């Protein structure tokens, strides 16, 4: 659970983060692995396309909407103002359930647009949930330093496992810079797998960074659960942990998706997904969401995605994800405009529980409209 951030630039726009590591903004060369077969979402989804129906138990009243501002709202997700900065945060404690059920088998997808395709890259005898205060899209340590993956805590030399079958297309240092000679690359020792399946006609990649040792070679095929290295703190990391990314379409820093929407949950547990906007439907960036289990009173604080670099799911268009929640009732509290807007809803086992929030219009629990997605589209070169 360690994170550090750095930004550098004049000639290279400063860029940021991966789990206590800090890439520099620029356009690292994308890998060009050999073509592998892709599976559509329909081919990899579960045969039971049950849709989610959240059970809404309690909702709090919302204040009267104020007068609409006269100025034109800014466009969503504006680019951040870049600044030269270097930051090495100190890791804090993490909490995890002592007893965790076994994971659902992969691929797992109850809903037609879910894609829990990957197993955990750290064995189940270690806590495998992301470090809570620095999730995908987080900027908790410095403005403009945005996290493009999740950090999974584990002791040094813990085996790192392939999250799915595929071919190794990168193994070594220099991943962000695209050069094995970039010994100070923020990812440190890293491995990238191009998987034997894809999504929406696009290839899928997973990234494993900061490792102490790499045990695979480029071109080697791995099955789910094969060891590819061990946990370490190489690159821009201040302690042992695994930085894990999911990339869709191309193998580059700008093509990541939230791994919590791709990792199979423990059996009987579910995933909370939200889209938070202001009253004018502009996404709320780096905004706190308070979640509390009604049954155990355990609290979580989740921050919405920052305003650039990270990408939302093609269907959910989310800017907040909280995975690994035992099924049951949870209170959601969004402190919008100084008012505590609360609702209690039911986390459903093995699937996504979705909500949206639109400022003074409040909560909505309808699933997003079916998008016009071509499941057989080929990747854009």
Protein backbone atom coordinates (compact mmCIF):
# COMPACT_ATOMS: atom_id res chain seq x y z
CA UNK A 1 0.00 0.00 0.00
CA UNK A 2 2.44 2.54 -0.94
CA UNK A 3 2.16 5.34 -3.33
CA UNK A 4 4.27 8.09 -4.62
CA UNK A 5 3.80 10.70 -7.21
CA UNK A 6 5.98 12.72 -9.40
CA UNK A 7 5.48 15.07 -12.28
CA UNK A 8 8.04 16.32 -14.61
CA UNK A 9 7.92 18.28 -17.62
CA UNK A 10 8.51 21.16 -19.91
CA UNK A 11 9.22 19.15 -23.01
CA UNK A 12 7.25 16.21 -21.60
CA UNK A 13 3.88 17.01 -20.07
CA UNK A 14 3.93 15.79 -16.55
CA UNK A 15 1.90 12.73 -15.82
CA UNK A 16 1.22 10.61 -12.95
CA UNK A 17 0.46 7.71 -11.20
CA UNK A 18 0.41 4.22 -10.48
CA UNK A 19 0.39 3.06 -6.98
CA UNK A 20 2.93 5.13 -5.39
CA UNK A 21 4.66 5.57 -8.70
CA UNK A 22 4.69 8.49 -10.95
CA UNK A 23 4.90 8.50 -14.70
CA UNK A 24 5.55 11.69 -16.58
CA UNK A 25 2.92 13.03 -18.94
CA UNK A 26 3.88 12.17 -22.45
CA UNK A 27 2.92 9.60 -25.02
CA UNK A 28 4.82 6.39 -24.29
CA UNK A 29 5.02 4.06 -27.28
CA UNK A 30 2.22 1.52 -27.30
CA UNK A 31 3.19 -2.12 -27.56
CA UNK A 32 2.34 -3.92 -30.78
CA UNK A 33 1.92 -7.56 -29.80
CA UNK A 34 0.91 -10.21 -32.24
CA UNK A 35 -2.82 -10.52 -32.84
CA UNK A 36 -4.75 -12.87 -30.59
CA UNK A 37 -8.40 -13.97 -30.85
CA UNK A 38 -10.95 -11.72 -29.20
CA UNK A 39 -14.16 -12.77 -27.53
CA UNK A 40 -17.19 -10.53 -27.53
CA UNK A 41 -18.99 -9.62 -24.33
CA UNK A 42 -21.77 -11.97 -25.37
CA UNK A 43 -19.31 -14.87 -25.67
CA UNK A 44 -17.78 -14.31 -22.26
CA UNK A 45 -20.83 -13.30 -20.24
CA UNK A 46 -22.75 -15.66 -17.98
CA UNK A 47 -25.77 -17.31 -19.61
CA UNK A 48 -28.07 -15.79 -16.99
CA UNK A 49 -28.59 -12.14 -18.08
CA UNK A 50 -30.52 -11.11 -15.00
CA UNK A 51 -30.67 -7.35 -14.59
CA UNK A 52 -30.16 -5.60 -11.33
CA UNK A 53 -33.09 -4.29 -9.33
CA UNK A 54 -31.75 -2.43 -6.29
CA UNK A 55 -33.98 -2.46 -3.24
CA UNK A 56 -34.32 1.10 -2.01
CA UNK A 57 -35.07 1.10 1.68
CA UNK A 58 -34.82 4.70 2.88
CA UNK A 59 -34.15 8.01 1.22
CA UNK A 60 -33.72 11.44 2.73
CA UNK A 61 -35.46 14.58 1.42
CA UNK A 62 -33.47 16.99 -0.68
CA UNK A 63 -33.47 20.77 -0.29
CA UNK A 64 -35.20 22.98 -2.79
CA UNK A 65 -33.11 23.60 -5.87
CA UNK A 66 -31.59 27.10 -5.94
CA UNK A 67 -31.89 29.42 -8.87
CA UNK A 68 -30.08 28.17 -11.97
CA UNK A 69 -26.74 29.97 -12.39
CA UNK A 70 -26.60 32.38 -15.30
CA UNK A 71 -23.18 31.28 -16.49
CA UNK A 72 -22.79 28.38 -18.93
CA UNK A 73 -21.61 25.21 -17.14
CA UNK A 74 -18.09 24.07 -17.84
CA UNK A 75 -17.70 20.90 -19.92
CA UNK A 76 -17.29 17.66 -17.94
CA UNK A 77 -13.84 16.37 -17.01
CA UNK A 78 -11.72 19.43 -17.89
CA UNK A 79 -7.99 18.95 -18.27
CA UNK A 80 -6.10 19.74 -15.04
CA UNK A 81 -3.64 22.57 -14.70
CA UNK A 82 -0.21 21.02 -14.75
CA UNK A 83 2.43 21.94 -12.22
CA UNK A 84 5.91 20.67 -11.53
CA UNK A 85 5.72 18.59 -8.36
CA UNK A 86 7.21 15.58 -6.68
CA UNK A 87 5.45 13.75 -3.91
CA UNK A 88 6.16 10.51 -2.08
CA UNK A 89 3.23 9.70 0.23
CA UNK A 90 3.65 7.49 3.25
CA UNK A 91 1.43 4.44 3.31
CA UNK A 92 -1.20 4.18 6.03
CA UNK A 93 -2.93 1.16 7.55
CA UNK A 94 -5.55 -0.80 5.63
CA UNK A 95 -8.43 -2.88 6.89
CA UNK A 96 -9.80 -6.11 5.43
CA UNK A 97 -12.20 -8.85 6.33
CA UNK A 98 -10.53 -11.73 8.15
CA UNK A 99 -12.74 -14.30 6.43
CA UNK A 100 -13.34 -13.91 2.70
CA UNK A 101 -15.40 -16.31 0.58
CA UNK A 102 -13.82 -17.91 -2.50
CA UNK A 103 -14.08 -15.86 -5.68
CA UNK A 104 -16.70 -16.41 -8.34
CA UNK A 105 -15.23 -18.38 -11.26
CA UNK A 106 -14.01 -16.31 -14.20
CA UNK A 107 -15.38 -15.10 -16.48
CA UNK A 108 -18.30 -13.99 -14.31
CA UNK A 109 -21.06 -11.68 -15.56
CA UNK A 110 -24.67 -11.81 -14.37
CA UNK A 111 -25.65 -8.56 -16.06
CA UNK A 112 -25.33 -8.30 -19.86
CA UNK A 113 -22.82 -5.44 -19.59
CA UNK A 114 -20.74 -6.73 -16.67
CA UNK A 115 -17.27 -8.13 -17.25
CA UNK A 116 -15.71 -9.72 -14.18
CA UNK A 117 -13.18 -11.52 -16.36
CA UNK A 118 -10.10 -11.58 -14.13
CA UNK A 119 -8.97 -13.51 -11.07
CA UNK A 120 -7.06 -11.73 -8.30
CA UNK A 121 -3.32 -11.30 -8.98
CA UNK A 122 -2.53 -11.94 -5.30
CA UNK A 123 -3.48 -15.27 -3.68
CA UNK A 124 -6.58 -15.36 -1.48
CA UNK A 125 -4.58 -15.90 1.72
CA UNK A 126 -3.57 -12.21 1.50
CA UNK A 127 -5.94 -9.22 1.55
CA UNK A 128 -6.74 -8.60 -2.11
CA UNK A 129 -8.95 -5.53 -2.00
CA UNK A 130 -7.46 -2.22 -3.22
CA UNK A 131 -5.94 0.18 -0.75
CA UNK A 132 -9.01 2.17 0.15
CA UNK A 133 -7.78 5.76 0.12
CA UNK A 134 -6.07 5.55 -3.26
CA UNK A 135 -8.35 3.81 -5.71
CA UNK A 136 -8.55 4.17 -9.47
CA UNK A 137 -8.81 7.82 -10.47
CA UNK A 138 -7.69 9.05 -7.05
CA UNK A 139 -5.75 12.26 -6.47
CA UNK A 140 -5.76 12.17 -2.70
CA UNK A 141 -2.09 13.14 -2.37
CA UNK A 142 -1.57 15.91 -4.91
CA UNK A 143 -3.71 17.80 -7.44
CA UNK A 144 -3.19 16.55 -10.97
CA UNK A 145 -1.50 13.31 -9.86
CA UNK A 146 -4.05 10.71 -10.90
CA UNK A 147 -3.97 7.00 -10.13
CA UNK A 148 -4.40 4.76 -13.21
CA UNK A 149 -4.73 1.46 -11.34
CA UNK A 150 -5.23 -0.03 -7.90
CA UNK A 151 -2.68 -0.87 -5.20
CA UNK A 152 -2.91 -4.30 -3.61
CA UNK A 153 -0.99 -4.68 -0.32
CA UNK A 154 1.12 -7.80 0.20
CA UNK A 155 4.45 -8.66 1.87
CA UNK A 156 7.63 -8.48 -0.18
CA UNK A 157 8.26 -11.61 -2.30
CA UNK A 158 4.57 -12.62 -2.29
CA UNK A 159 3.90 -14.41 -5.62
CA UNK A 160 2.18 -12.29 -8.27
CA UNK A 161 -0.26 -14.34 -10.38
CA UNK A 162 -1.60 -13.93 -13.90
CA UNK A 163 -5.18 -12.61 -13.70
CA UNK A 164 -6.16 -14.40 -16.92
CA UNK A 165 -4.70 -16.42 -19.78
CA UNK A 166 -2.59 -14.62 -22.34
CA UNK A 167 0.82 -13.79 -23.75
CA UNK A 168 3.50 -11.69 -22.04
CA UNK A 169 4.17 -8.60 -24.18
CA UNK A 170 6.37 -6.73 -21.69
CA UNK A 171 8.71 -7.96 -18.96
CA UNK A 172 11.25 -5.64 -17.37
CA UNK A 173 11.83 -2.00 -16.55
CA UNK A 174 10.89 0.99 -18.71
CA UNK A 175 7.19 0.28 -19.31
CA UNK A 176 6.04 3.90 -19.17
CA UNK A 177 8.92 5.19 -21.25
CA UNK A 178 8.77 2.26 -23.65
CA UNK A 179 12.49 1.57 -23.30
CA UNK A 180 14.32 -1.14 -21.37
CA UNK A 181 17.10 1.40 -20.84
CA UNK A 182 14.86 3.69 -18.72
CA UNK A 183 16.08 2.25 -15.43
CA UNK A 184 14.34 4.95 -13.39
CA UNK A 185 10.92 4.21 -14.93
CA UNK A 186 8.16 4.74 -12.32
CA UNK A 187 6.61 1.29 -12.85
CA UNK A 188 9.85 -0.42 -11.85
CA UNK A 189 9.90 -4.11 -12.73
CA UNK A 190 6.67 -4.65 -14.65
CA UNK A 191 4.90 -7.31 -16.69
CA UNK A 192 2.11 -6.79 -19.22
CA UNK A 193 -0.13 -9.61 -20.46
CA UNK A 194 -2.19 -9.40 -23.66
CA UNK A 195 -5.11 -11.69 -22.94
CA UNK A 196 -6.62 -14.38 -25.12
CA UNK A 197 -9.99 -12.64 -24.96
CA UNK A 198 -11.20 -9.09 -25.45
CA UNK A 199 -14.21 -6.88 -24.83
CA UNK A 200 -16.31 -4.96 -27.35
CA UNK A 201 -13.96 -6.18 -30.07
CA UNK A 202 -10.99 -4.61 -28.30
CA UNK A 203 -7.97 -6.44 -26.83
CA UNK A 204 -7.46 -6.52 -23.06
CA UNK A 205 -4.18 -6.09 -21.19
CA UNK A 206 -3.28 -6.35 -17.51
CA UNK A 207 -0.27 -4.64 -15.92
CA UNK A 208 1.67 -5.81 -12.83
CA UNK A 209 4.18 -3.29 -11.49
CA UNK A 210 6.76 -2.59 -8.75
CA UNK A 211 7.77 -6.24 -8.59
CA UNK A 212 10.96 -7.34 -6.87
CA UNK A 213 11.56 -10.15 -9.37
CA UNK A 214 10.20 -11.06 -12.81
CA UNK A 215 9.93 -14.76 -13.63
CA UNK A 216 8.56 -14.68 -17.21
CA UNK A 217 9.80 -13.70 -20.67
CA UNK A 218 8.22 -11.74 -23.50
CA UNK A 219 6.33 -14.13 -25.76
CA UNK A 220 5.62 -16.62 -22.98
CA UNK A 221 2.01 -17.80 -22.66
CA UNK A 222 0.53 -17.89 -19.14
CA UNK A 223 -2.61 -19.46 -17.74
CA UNK A 224 -4.74 -17.92 -14.98
CA UNK A 225 -2.89 -18.24 -11.68
CA UNK A 226 0.59 -18.81 -13.12
CA UNK A 227 3.30 -16.99 -11.17
CA UNK A 228 4.90 -14.17 -13.13
CA UNK A 229 6.97 -12.53 -10.40
CA UNK A 230 7.00 -11.42 -6.78
CA UNK A 231 5.78 -8.34 -4.93
CA UNK A 232 8.34 -5.60 -4.39
CA UNK A 233 8.86 -1.85 -4.31
CA UNK A 234 10.86 -1.10 -7.47
CA UNK A 235 10.21 2.09 -9.39
CA UNK A 236 8.45 4.96 -7.63
CA UNK A 237 7.16 3.05 -4.62
CA UNK A 238 7.93 3.55 -0.95
CA UNK A 239 7.15 0.00 0.15
CA UNK A 240 6.08 -3.43 -1.11
CA UNK A 241 2.75 -3.68 -2.93
CA UNK A 242 1.40 -4.59 -6.36
CA UNK A 243 0.19 -1.93 -8.75
CA UNK A 244 -2.42 -3.53 -11.05
CA UNK A 245 -3.99 -2.06 -14.18
CA UNK A 246 -6.54 -3.11 -16.79
CA UNK A 247 -6.07 -1.60 -20.26
CA UNK A 248 -8.64 -1.82 -23.04
CA UNK A 249 -7.92 -1.34 -26.74
CA UNK A 250 -4.24 -0.41 -26.65
CA UNK A 251 -1.36 -1.09 -24.29
CA UNK A 252 -0.70 2.44 -23.15
CA UNK A 253 -1.03 4.65 -20.12
CA UNK A 254 -4.13 6.44 -21.42
CA UNK A 255 -6.25 3.32 -22.04
CA UNK A 256 -6.87 2.13 -18.49
CA UNK A 257 -10.20 1.14 -16.94
CA UNK A 258 -11.13 0.65 -13.28
CA UNK A 259 -9.84 -2.82 -12.28
CA UNK A 260 -12.57 -3.11 -9.62
CA UNK A 261 -15.07 -3.58 -12.47
CA UNK A 262 -13.00 -6.41 -13.96
CA UNK A 263 -11.90 -8.51 -10.95
CA UNK A 264 -14.33 -11.27 -9.94
CA UNK A 265 -15.84 -10.54 -6.48
CA UNK A 266 -15.92 -13.03 -3.61
CA UNK A 267 -18.96 -15.29 -3.71
CA UNK A 268 -21.99 -13.59 -2.15
CA UNK A 269 -20.37 -10.16 -2.37
CA UNK A 270 -21.09 -7.35 -4.80
CA UNK A 271 -19.87 -4.07 -6.27
CA UNK A 272 -21.28 -0.55 -5.79
CA UNK A 273 -21.05 1.65 -8.89
CA UNK A 274 -22.10 5.30 -9.02
CA UNK A 275 -22.22 8.26 -11.37
CA UNK A 276 -22.17 11.54 -9.45
CA UNK A 277 -23.09 14.82 -11.16
CA UNK A 278 -24.11 18.29 -10.12
CA UNK A 279 -27.59 19.61 -10.89
CA UNK A 280 -26.47 20.62 -14.40
CA UNK A 281 -25.28 17.01 -15.08
CA UNK A 282 -21.59 17.87 -14.93
CA UNK A 283 -19.63 15.00 -13.29
CA UNK A 284 -18.39 15.74 -9.78
CA UNK A 285 -14.63 15.19 -9.79
CA UNK A 286 -12.68 14.18 -6.65
CA UNK A 287 -15.85 14.26 -4.57
CA UNK A 288 -16.33 12.22 -1.36
CA UNK A 289 -18.93 9.49 -1.02
CA UNK A 290 -19.58 8.01 2.43
CA UNK A 291 -20.69 4.38 2.58
CA UNK A 292 -21.70 2.52 5.74
CA UNK A 293 -22.85 -1.04 6.29
CA UNK A 294 -26.21 -0.98 8.09
CA UNK A 295 -25.51 -4.42 9.57
CA UNK A 296 -21.92 -3.98 10.82
CA UNK A 297 -21.59 -0.18 10.84
CA UNK A 298 -18.28 -0.46 8.94
CA UNK A 299 -17.56 2.79 7.07
CA UNK A 300 -15.85 3.54 3.76
CA UNK A 301 -14.94 6.82 2.09
CA UNK A 302 -14.68 6.69 -1.70
CA UNK A 303 -13.60 9.59 -3.90
CA UNK A 304 -14.94 10.07 -7.40
CA UNK A 305 -12.53 10.04 -10.31
CA UNK A 306 -10.35 13.03 -11.01
CA UNK A 307 -10.98 15.16 -14.07
CA UNK A 308 -8.77 13.49 -16.68
CA UNK A 309 -6.59 10.53 -17.72
CA UNK A 310 -8.81 7.80 -16.29
CA UNK A 311 -11.72 6.34 -18.27
CA UNK A 312 -15.25 5.28 -17.35
CA UNK A 313 -16.92 2.06 -18.43
CA UNK A 314 -18.67 2.19 -21.82
CA UNK A 315 -21.99 1.22 -20.23
CA UNK A 316 -22.02 2.55 -16.67
CA UNK A 317 -20.22 5.87 -17.34
CA UNK A 318 -19.31 5.71 -13.65
CA UNK A 319 -16.98 7.94 -11.67
CA UNK A 320 -17.06 5.91 -8.45
CA UNK A 321 -16.60 2.20 -7.70
CA UNK A 322 -16.46 0.35 -4.38
CA UNK A 323 -15.95 -3.40 -4.74
CA UNK A 324 -15.81 -6.33 -2.31
CA UNK A 325 -18.93 -5.49 -0.31
CA UNK A 326 -20.75 -8.38 1.42
CA UNK A 327 -24.36 -8.42 0.20
CA UNK A 328 -26.72 -6.48 2.45
CA UNK A 329 -28.01 -2.98 3.24
CA UNK A 330 -25.69 0.03 2.92
CA UNK A 331 -26.22 3.71 3.60
CA UNK A 332 -24.89 6.06 0.92
CA UNK A 333 -24.27 9.65 1.99
CA UNK A 334 -23.36 12.35 -0.55
CA UNK A 335 -22.72 15.75 1.08
CA UNK A 336 -23.82 17.93 -1.83
CA UNK A 337 -23.94 21.72 -1.30
CA UNK A 338 -23.62 21.22 2.44
CA UNK A 339 -26.62 18.88 2.69
CA UNK A 340 -26.29 15.19 3.72
CA UNK A 341 -28.16 13.36 0.96
CA UNK A 342 -28.68 9.81 2.18
CA UNK A 343 -30.19 6.64 0.84
CA UNK A 344 -30.05 3.00 1.97
CA UNK A 345 -29.87 0.44 -0.78
CA UNK A 346 -29.16 -3.24 -1.14
CA UNK A 347 -25.85 -4.59 -2.44
CA UNK A 348 -26.67 -7.63 -4.55
CA UNK A 349 -24.41 -10.71 -4.57
CA UNK A 350 -22.17 -11.34 -7.54
CA UNK A 351 -23.13 -8.24 -9.50
CA UNK A 352 -23.14 -4.49 -9.78
CA UNK A 353 -25.55 -2.34 -7.77
CA UNK A 354 -25.80 0.95 -9.67
CA UNK A 355 -27.01 4.41 -8.77
CA UNK A 356 -26.68 7.92 -10.15
CA UNK A 357 -26.85 11.22 -8.29
CA UNK A 358 -27.66 14.56 -9.88
CA UNK A 359 -27.25 17.41 -7.44
CA UNK A 360 -30.56 18.77 -6.14
CA UNK A 361 -32.44 16.26 -8.30
CA UNK A 362 -31.12 13.55 -6.00
CA UNK A 363 -30.68 9.82 -6.48
CA UNK A 364 -31.80 7.67 -9.38
CA UNK A 365 -31.60 3.87 -9.50
CA UNK A 366 -32.46 3.15 -13.13
CA UNK A 367 -29.78 1.31 -15.05
CA UNK A 368 -28.18 3.28 -17.89
CA UNK A 369 -29.92 3.10 -21.23
CA UNK A 370 -28.67 0.31 -23.48
CA UNK A 371 -25.78 1.81 -25.43
CA UNK A 372 -25.33 1.39 -29.15
CA UNK A 373 -22.27 -0.84 -28.78
CA UNK A 374 -21.02 -3.00 -31.63
CA UNK A 375 -19.77 -6.15 -29.96
CA UNK A 376 -17.96 -7.28 -33.11
CA UNK A 377 -16.06 -4.07 -33.80
CA UNK A 378 -12.38 -4.46 -34.52
CA UNK A 379 -9.76 -2.49 -32.59
CA UNK A 380 -8.89 0.94 -33.89
CA UNK A 381 -5.26 0.92 -35.10
